[in-house]
Amino acid sequence: MNKIYPSAAEALKGVVADGQLIAVGGFGLCGIPEALIDALRDSGAKNLTAISNNAGVDDFGLGKLLQTRQIKKMISSYVGENKEFERQYLAGELELEFTPQGTLAEKLRAGGAGIPAFFTKTGVGTLVADGKELREFDGETYVMERALLPDVALIKADVADRSGNLRFNMTARNFNPAAATAGKVCIVEVERIVATGEIAPDDVHLPGIYVHRIVLNPTPEKRIEKRTTRDRKV
């Protein structure tokens, strides 16, 4: 089966629809599927619930979909770099399910592993635990968290072979593998496509069985959120 699509728009065609739960890989602007996010914006899909560590910045990453009001709810851990995210939430225009970062990663991992729910101490005694089941184990209180099963996962990898086996680039791996395994349909954006078998087995970070569609973006912008420099001492 050919998994390679000629463009991000073609890769989303027939998959993305209004009202879906969509997981998007990345951490800040690191390891985000830039072309797929643009294609999602251009698709016009609306009333989306987005699972992502954060929502990019105001004019890049998922911030673009906040500008167009295509996202109705965010399931995320951090809003600090996106003023429009903050503004919409405080104005009651955007739903937000604040989720501790480790819990968010585990909710995706559990979804991919077929685990419907798990117990964690993180969030006990805070707003995070409101309305959720609490249970005591060995004298400690835990909160039950449900797994996440997104309709679509949009992820970014460095290299894919034609069968969809993926290799990520260092910390750009972040939430991408967990989102990929949890998604009912996984679409990956890569910078390079090689022949099946060219990636050494020990270098495969995610097996191709989880990947349904591949799109090539050889020159992503890879914007940096905050560039901080200092004069070097000679």
C-alpha atoms as a PDB file:
ATOM      1  CA  MET A   1       0.000   0.000   0.000  1.00  0.00           C
ATOM      2  CA  ASN A   2       1.350   3.412  -0.973  1.00  0.00           C
ATOM      3  CA  LYS A   3       1.424   5.647   2.094  1.00  0.00           C
ATOM      4  CA  ILE A   4       3.077   8.638   0.421  1.00  0.00           C
ATOM      5  CA  TYR A   5       0.863  11.582  -0.547  1.00  0.00           C
ATOM      6  CA  PRO A   6       1.884  14.438  -2.886  1.00  0.00           C
ATOM      7  CA  SER A   7       0.942  17.233  -0.480  1.00  0.00           C
ATOM      8  CA  ALA A   8      -0.262  17.911   3.034  1.00  0.00           C
ATOM      9  CA  ALA A   9      -3.673  18.887   1.677  1.00  0.00           C
ATOM     10  CA  GLU A  10      -4.005  15.556  -0.136  1.00  0.00           C
ATOM     11  CA  ALA A  11      -2.895  13.681   2.979  1.00  0.00           C
ATOM     12  CA  LEU A  12      -5.723  15.261   5.003  1.00  0.00           C
ATOM     13  CA  LYS A  13      -8.374  14.748   2.336  1.00  0.00           C
ATOM     14  CA  GLY A  14     -11.092  12.337   3.392  1.00  0.00           C
ATOM     15  CA  VAL A  15      -9.700  12.117   6.923  1.00  0.00           C
ATOM     16  CA  VAL A  16     -10.230  15.480   8.620  1.00  0.00           C
ATOM     17  CA  ALA A  17     -13.758  16.634   9.441  1.00  0.00           C
ATOM     18  CA  ASP A  18     -15.605  19.096  11.676  1.00  0.00           C
ATOM     19  CA  GLY A  19     -15.851  18.255  15.371  1.00  0.00           C
ATOM     20  CA  GLN A  20     -12.950  15.834  15.509  1.00  0.00           C
ATOM     21  CA  LEU A  21     -10.507  15.148  18.325  1.00  0.00           C
ATOM     22  CA  ILE A  22      -7.063  15.779  16.827  1.00  0.00           C
ATOM     23  CA  ALA A  23      -3.680  15.160  18.450  1.00  0.00           C
ATOM     24  CA  VAL A  24      -0.782  17.272  17.216  1.00  0.00           C
ATOM     25  CA  GLY A  25       2.802  16.394  18.051  1.00  0.00           C
ATOM     26  CA  GLY A  26       5.382  18.902  19.178  1.00  0.00           C
ATOM     27  CA  PHE A  27       6.655  20.753  22.206  1.00  0.00           C
ATOM     28  CA  GLY A  28       6.398  24.483  21.788  1.00  0.00           C
ATOM     29  CA  LEU A  29       7.532  24.891  18.198  1.00  0.00           C
ATOM     30  CA  CYS A  30       9.930  21.939  18.357  1.00  0.00           C
ATOM     31  CA  GLY A  31       8.841  18.928  16.324  1.00  0.00           C
ATOM     32  CA  ILE A  32       5.550  20.353  15.076  1.00  0.00           C
ATOM     33  CA  PRO A  33       4.096  19.259  11.702  1.00  0.00           C
ATOM     34  CA  GLU A  34       4.177  22.722  10.106  1.00  0.00           C
ATOM     35  CA  ALA A  35       2.791  21.794   6.674  1.00  0.00           C
ATOM     36  CA  LEU A  36       0.038  19.605   8.122  1.00  0.00           C
ATOM     37  CA  ILE A  37      -1.066  22.381  10.485  1.00  0.00           C
ATOM     38  CA  ASP A  38      -1.264  24.808   7.552  1.00  0.00           C
ATOM     39  CA  ALA A  39      -3.242  22.258   5.548  1.00  0.00           C
ATOM     40  CA  LEU A  40      -5.601  21.710   8.482  1.00  0.00           C
ATOM     41  CA  ARG A  41      -6.205  25.454   8.652  1.00  0.00           C
ATOM     42  CA  ASP A  42      -6.822  25.607   4.897  1.00  0.00           C
ATOM     43  CA  SER A  43      -9.227  22.641   5.074  1.00  0.00           C
ATOM     44  CA  GLY A  44     -11.706  24.809   6.965  1.00  0.00           C
ATOM     45  CA  ALA A  45     -12.466  22.053   9.486  1.00  0.00           C
ATOM     46  CA  LYS A  46     -14.021  23.639  12.579  1.00  0.00           C
ATOM     47  CA  ASN A  47     -15.177  22.884  16.120  1.00  0.00           C
ATOM     48  CA  LEU A  48     -12.002  20.882  16.647  1.00  0.00           C
ATOM     49  CA  THR A  49     -10.690  19.657  19.981  1.00  0.00           C
ATOM     50  CA  ALA A  50      -6.899  19.746  19.831  1.00  0.00           C
ATOM     51  CA  ILE A  51      -4.584  17.681  22.013  1.00  0.00           C
ATOM     52  CA  SER A  52      -1.164  19.286  22.204  1.00  0.00           C
ATOM     53  CA  ASN A  53       1.308  20.260  24.887  1.00  0.00           C
ATOM     54  CA  ASN A  54       0.586  23.874  23.982  1.00  0.00           C
ATOM     55  CA  ALA A  55      -0.741  25.795  21.007  1.00  0.00           C
ATOM     56  CA  GLY A  56       2.382  27.181  19.402  1.00  0.00           C
ATOM     57  CA  VAL A  57       2.671  30.957  19.329  1.00  0.00           C
ATOM     58  CA  ASP A  58       0.270  33.587  18.076  1.00  0.00           C
ATOM     59  CA  ASP A  59       1.178  33.348  14.395  1.00  0.00           C
ATOM     60  CA  PHE A  60       2.743  29.906  14.094  1.00  0.00           C
ATOM     61  CA  GLY A  61       1.889  26.295  14.808  1.00  0.00           C
ATOM     62  CA  LEU A  62      -1.567  25.691  16.273  1.00  0.00           C
ATOM     63  CA  GLY A  63      -1.750  29.410  16.977  1.00  0.00           C
ATOM     64  CA  LYS A  64      -2.833  29.757  13.346  1.00  0.00           C
ATOM     65  CA  LEU A  65      -5.944  27.652  14.025  1.00  0.00           C
ATOM     66  CA  LEU A  66      -6.769  29.729  17.080  1.00  0.00           C
ATOM     67  CA  GLN A  67      -6.652  32.836  14.910  1.00  0.00           C
ATOM     68  CA  THR A  68      -9.183  31.311  12.516  1.00  0.00           C
ATOM     69  CA  ARG A  69     -11.340  30.045  15.422  1.00  0.00           C
ATOM     70  CA  GLN A  70     -11.235  26.457  14.176  1.00  0.00           C
ATOM     71  CA  ILE A  71     -10.371  25.093  17.632  1.00  0.00           C
ATOM     72  CA  LYS A  72     -13.175  25.061  20.180  1.00  0.00           C
ATOM     73  CA  LYS A  73     -11.260  23.226  22.919  1.00  0.00           C
ATOM     74  CA  MET A  74      -7.627  22.611  23.865  1.00  0.00           C
ATOM     75  CA  ILE A  75      -6.386  19.669  25.928  1.00  0.00           C
ATOM     76  CA  SER A  76      -2.946  20.908  26.883  1.00  0.00           C
ATOM     77  CA  SER A  77      -0.408  21.672  29.571  1.00  0.00           C
ATOM     78  CA  TYR A  78       0.893  25.151  28.835  1.00  0.00           C
ATOM     79  CA  VAL A  79      -0.433  28.408  27.412  1.00  0.00           C
ATOM     80  CA  GLY A  80       2.365  30.811  28.286  1.00  0.00           C
ATOM     81  CA  GLU A  81       3.724  31.617  24.815  1.00  0.00           C
ATOM     82  CA  ASN A  82       0.397  32.305  23.108  1.00  0.00           C
ATOM     83  CA  LYS A  83      -1.393  35.543  23.948  1.00  0.00           C
ATOM     84  CA  GLU A  84      -4.380  34.735  21.737  1.00  0.00           C
ATOM     85  CA  PHE A  85      -4.778  31.380  23.502  1.00  0.00           C
ATOM     86  CA  GLU A  86      -4.800  33.201  26.839  1.00  0.00           C
ATOM     87  CA  ARG A  87      -7.170  35.899  25.576  1.00  0.00           C
ATOM     88  CA  GLN A  88      -9.716  33.430  24.164  1.00  0.00           C
ATOM     89  CA  TYR A  89      -9.666  31.317  27.309  1.00  0.00           C
ATOM     90  CA  LEU A  90     -10.086  34.245  29.706  1.00  0.00           C
ATOM     91  CA  ALA A  91     -12.886  35.644  27.533  1.00  0.00           C
ATOM     92  CA  GLY A  92     -14.749  32.336  27.639  1.00  0.00           C
ATOM     93  CA  GLU A  93     -14.300  31.807  23.902  1.00  0.00           C
ATOM     94  CA  LEU A  94     -12.140  28.679  24.184  1.00  0.00           C
ATOM     95  CA  GLU A  95     -12.599  25.594  26.339  1.00  0.00           C
ATOM     96  CA  LEU A  96      -9.469  24.358  28.084  1.00  0.00           C
ATOM     97  CA  GLU A  97      -8.811  21.037  29.755  1.00  0.00           C
ATOM     98  CA  PHE A  98      -5.609  21.747  31.650  1.00  0.00           C
ATOM     99  CA  THR A  99      -3.609  18.540  31.945  1.00  0.00           C
ATOM    100  CA  PRO A 100      -0.260  18.085  33.709  1.00  0.00           C
ATOM    101  CA  GLN A 101       2.431  17.377  31.159  1.00  0.00           C
ATOM    102  CA  GLY A 102       3.300  13.876  32.336  1.00  0.00           C
ATOM    103  CA  THR A 103      -0.384  13.009  32.613  1.00  0.00           C
ATOM    104  CA  LEU A 104      -0.973  14.233  29.059  1.00  0.00           C
ATOM    105  CA  ALA A 105       1.832  12.026  27.763  1.00  0.00           C
ATOM    106  CA  GLU A 106       0.487   9.031  29.685  1.00  0.00           C
ATOM    107  CA  LYS A 107      -3.090   9.628  28.495  1.00  0.00           C
ATOM    108  CA  LEU A 108      -1.833   9.377  24.911  1.00  0.00           C
ATOM    109  CA  ARG A 109       0.424   6.413  25.648  1.00  0.00           C
ATOM    110  CA  ALA A 110      -2.442   4.611  27.366  1.00  0.00           C
ATOM    111  CA  GLY A 111      -4.706   5.249  24.408  1.00  0.00           C
ATOM    112  CA  GLY A 112      -2.173   3.715  22.069  1.00  0.00           C
ATOM    113  CA  ALA A 113      -1.678   0.719  24.380  1.00  0.00           C
ATOM    114  CA  GLY A 114      -5.387  -0.034  24.705  1.00  0.00           C
ATOM    115  CA  ILE A 115      -5.515   1.005  28.372  1.00  0.00           C
ATOM    116  CA  PRO A 116      -8.812   2.851  28.994  1.00  0.00           C
ATOM    117  CA  ALA A 117      -7.763   4.621  32.211  1.00  0.00           C
ATOM    118  CA  PHE A 118      -5.063   4.789  34.870  1.00  0.00           C
ATOM    119  CA  PHE A 119      -4.506   6.205  38.363  1.00  0.00           C
ATOM    120  CA  THR A 120      -1.971   8.892  39.203  1.00  0.00           C
ATOM    121  CA  LYS A 121      -1.153  11.049  42.233  1.00  0.00           C
ATOM    122  CA  THR A 122      -0.542  14.070  40.018  1.00  0.00           C
ATOM    123  CA  GLY A 123      -3.301  16.646  40.432  1.00  0.00           C
ATOM    124  CA  VAL A 124      -4.850  15.222  43.607  1.00  0.00           C
ATOM    125  CA  GLY A 125      -6.190  18.080  45.739  1.00  0.00           C
ATOM    126  CA  THR A 126      -6.229  20.526  42.816  1.00  0.00           C
ATOM    127  CA  LEU A 127      -8.690  21.638  40.143  1.00  0.00           C
ATOM    128  CA  VAL A 128      -7.224  18.935  37.909  1.00  0.00           C
ATOM    129  CA  ALA A 129      -9.009  16.296  40.010  1.00  0.00           C
ATOM    130  CA  ASP A 130     -12.426  17.995  40.088  1.00  0.00           C
ATOM    131  CA  GLY A 131     -15.169  15.614  38.989  1.00  0.00           C
ATOM    132  CA  LYS A 132     -12.825  12.653  38.620  1.00  0.00           C
ATOM    133  CA  GLU A 133     -12.818   9.394  40.531  1.00  0.00           C
ATOM    134  CA  LEU A 134     -10.449   9.243  43.504  1.00  0.00           C
ATOM    135  CA  ARG A 135      -9.189   5.985  44.936  1.00  0.00           C
ATOM    136  CA  GLU A 136      -6.833   5.043  47.742  1.00  0.00           C
ATOM    137  CA  PHE A 137      -3.908   2.667  47.219  1.00  0.00           C
ATOM    138  CA  ASP A 138      -1.547   1.827  50.083  1.00  0.00           C
ATOM    139  CA  GLY A 139      -2.687   4.847  52.053  1.00  0.00           C
ATOM    140  CA  GLU A 140      -2.207   7.310  49.178  1.00  0.00           C
ATOM    141  CA  THR A 141      -4.946   9.036  47.177  1.00  0.00           C
ATOM    142  CA  TYR A 142      -4.904   8.762  43.379  1.00  0.00           C
ATOM    143  CA  VAL A 143      -7.037  10.331  40.661  1.00  0.00           C
ATOM    144  CA  MET A 144      -8.307   8.341  37.703  1.00  0.00           C
ATOM    145  CA  GLU A 145      -7.439   9.730  34.277  1.00  0.00           C
ATOM    146  CA  ARG A 146      -9.047   8.501  31.063  1.00  0.00           C
ATOM    147  CA  ALA A 147      -6.938   7.643  28.037  1.00  0.00           C
ATOM    148  CA  LEU A 148      -7.075   9.798  24.912  1.00  0.00           C
ATOM    149  CA  LEU A 149      -8.094   8.289  21.557  1.00  0.00           C
ATOM    150  CA  PRO A 150      -7.871  11.022  18.926  1.00  0.00           C
ATOM    151  CA  ASP A 151      -9.621  10.595  15.597  1.00  0.00           C
ATOM    152  CA  VAL A 152      -6.503  11.865  13.824  1.00  0.00           C
ATOM    153  CA  ALA A 153      -2.870  12.317  14.866  1.00  0.00           C
ATOM    154  CA  LEU A 154      -0.713  14.823  12.987  1.00  0.00           C
ATOM    155  CA  ILE A 155       2.951  14.269  13.752  1.00  0.00           C
ATOM    156  CA  LYS A 156       6.430  15.253  12.612  1.00  0.00           C
ATOM    157  CA  ALA A 157       9.457  12.987  12.088  1.00  0.00           C
ATOM    158  CA  ASP A 158      12.856  13.458  10.525  1.00  0.00           C
ATOM    159  CA  VAL A 159      12.947  10.414   8.239  1.00  0.00           C
ATOM    160  CA  ALA A 160      10.385   7.884   7.024  1.00  0.00           C
ATOM    161  CA  ASP A 161      10.861   4.876   4.820  1.00  0.00           C
ATOM    162  CA  ARG A 162       8.210   3.988   2.277  1.00  0.00           C
ATOM    163  CA  SER A 163       6.574   1.576   4.745  1.00  0.00           C
ATOM    164  CA  GLY A 164       6.145   4.350   7.323  1.00  0.00           C
ATOM    165  CA  ASN A 165       8.883   3.368   9.753  1.00  0.00           C
ATOM    166  CA  LEU A 166      10.030   6.589  11.419  1.00  0.00           C
ATOM    167  CA  ARG A 167      13.119   8.099  12.943  1.00  0.00           C
ATOM    168  CA  PHE A 168      12.834  11.307  14.940  1.00  0.00           C
ATOM    169  CA  ASN A 169      15.512  13.931  15.439  1.00  0.00           C
ATOM    170  CA  MET A 170      16.640  14.139  19.065  1.00  0.00           C
ATOM    171  CA  THR A 171      14.269  16.177  21.282  1.00  0.00           C
ATOM    172  CA  ALA A 172      11.908  16.790  18.360  1.00  0.00           C
ATOM    173  CA  ARG A 173      10.605  13.309  19.167  1.00  0.00           C
ATOM    174  CA  ASN A 174       8.752  14.667  22.270  1.00  0.00           C
ATOM    175  CA  PHE A 175       4.982  13.914  22.109  1.00  0.00           C
ATOM    176  CA  ASN A 176       5.039  12.650  18.527  1.00  0.00           C
ATOM    177  CA  PRO A 177       5.319   8.852  19.078  1.00  0.00           C
ATOM    178  CA  ALA A 178       2.633   8.842  21.775  1.00  0.00           C
ATOM    179  CA  ALA A 179       0.265  10.872  19.600  1.00  0.00           C
ATOM    180  CA  ALA A 180       0.941   8.561  16.659  1.00  0.00           C
ATOM    181  CA  THR A 181       0.112   5.367  18.521  1.00  0.00           C
ATOM    182  CA  ALA A 182      -3.065   6.830  20.044  1.00  0.00           C
ATOM    183  CA  GLY A 183      -4.520   8.216  16.816  1.00  0.00           C
ATOM    184  CA  LYS A 184      -7.047   6.170  14.874  1.00  0.00           C
ATOM    185  CA  VAL A 185      -5.445   7.632  11.742  1.00  0.00           C
ATOM    186  CA  CYS A 186      -1.848   8.877  11.851  1.00  0.00           C
ATOM    187  CA  ILE A 187      -0.463  11.297   9.259  1.00  0.00           C
ATOM    188  CA  VAL A 188       3.234  12.116   9.437  1.00  0.00           C
ATOM    189  CA  GLU A 189       5.206  14.976   7.926  1.00  0.00           C
ATOM    190  CA  VAL A 190       8.873  14.183   7.270  1.00  0.00           C
ATOM    191  CA  GLU A 191      11.927  15.910   5.889  1.00  0.00           C
ATOM    192  CA  ARG A 192      13.222  12.862   4.045  1.00  0.00           C
ATOM    193  CA  ILE A 193      11.797   9.652   2.606  1.00  0.00           C
ATOM    194  CA  VAL A 194      14.038   6.653   2.005  1.00  0.00           C
ATOM    195  CA  ALA A 195      13.576   3.145   0.675  1.00  0.00           C
ATOM    196  CA  THR A 196      12.106   0.511   2.964  1.00  0.00           C
ATOM    197  CA  GLY A 197      14.937  -1.124   4.846  1.00  0.00           C
ATOM    198  CA  GLU A 198      17.284   1.855   4.636  1.00  0.00           C
ATOM    199  CA  ILE A 199      16.642   2.804   8.264  1.00  0.00           C
ATOM    200  CA  ALA A 200      18.542   0.354  10.458  1.00  0.00           C
ATOM    201  CA  PRO A 201      16.152  -1.630  12.700  1.00  0.00           C
ATOM    202  CA  ASP A 202      17.751  -0.217  15.862  1.00  0.00           C
ATOM    203  CA  ASP A 203      17.163   3.300  14.514  1.00  0.00           C
ATOM    204  CA  VAL A 204      13.410   2.873  13.994  1.00  0.00           C
ATOM    205  CA  HIS A 205      11.736   4.924  16.722  1.00  0.00           C
ATOM    206  CA  LEU A 206       8.175   4.182  15.575  1.00  0.00           C
ATOM    207  CA  PRO A 207       7.139   1.160  13.486  1.00  0.00           C
ATOM    208  CA  GLY A 208       5.282   1.807  10.254  1.00  0.00           C
ATOM    209  CA  ILE A 209       2.228  -0.132  11.420  1.00  0.00           C
ATOM    210  CA  TYR A 210       1.128   3.026  13.248  1.00  0.00           C
ATOM    211  CA  VAL A 211       1.541   5.314  10.213  1.00  0.00           C
ATOM    212  CA  HIS A 212      -1.202   5.594   7.585  1.00  0.00           C
ATOM    213  CA  ARG A 213      -0.117   8.556   5.446  1.00  0.00           C
ATOM    214  CA  ILE A 214       3.211  10.306   4.786  1.00  0.00           C
ATOM    215  CA  VAL A 215       3.860  13.746   3.338  1.00  0.00           C
ATOM    216  CA  LEU A 216       7.264  15.203   2.475  1.00  0.00           C
ATOM    217  CA  ASN A 217       8.259  18.680   3.665  1.00  0.00           C
ATOM    218  CA  PRO A 218      12.015  18.907   3.046  1.00  0.00           C
ATOM    219  CA  THR A 219      12.411  22.555   4.094  1.00  0.00           C
ATOM    220  CA  PRO A 220      10.336  23.321   7.213  1.00  0.00           C
ATOM    221  CA  GLU A 221      10.859  26.711   8.788  1.00  0.00           C
ATOM    222  CA  LYS A 222      11.631  25.319  12.258  1.00  0.00           C
ATOM    223  CA  ARG A 223      10.990  28.636  13.923  1.00  0.00           C
ATOM    224  CA  ILE A 224      12.515  29.261  17.356  1.00  0.00           C
ATOM    225  CA  GLU A 225      10.158  30.611  20.025  1.00  0.00           C
ATOM    226  CA  LYS A 226      12.696  32.813  21.754  1.00  0.00           C
ATOM    227  CA  ARG A 227      16.169  33.347  20.412  1.00  0.00           C
ATOM    228  CA  THR A 228      18.539  34.378  23.178  1.00  0.00           C
ATOM    229  CA  THR A 229      22.124  35.236  22.353  1.00  0.00           C
ATOM    230  CA  ARG A 230      25.085  36.693  24.197  1.00  0.00           C
ATOM    231  CA  ASP A 231      28.476  38.001  23.215  1.00  0.00           C
ATOM    232  CA  ARG A 232      31.122  35.333  23.347  1.00  0.00           C
ATOM    233  CA  LYS A 233      34.238  35.996  25.354  1.00  0.00           C
ATOM    234  CA  VAL A 234      37.261  35.770  23.101  1.00  0.00           C
END
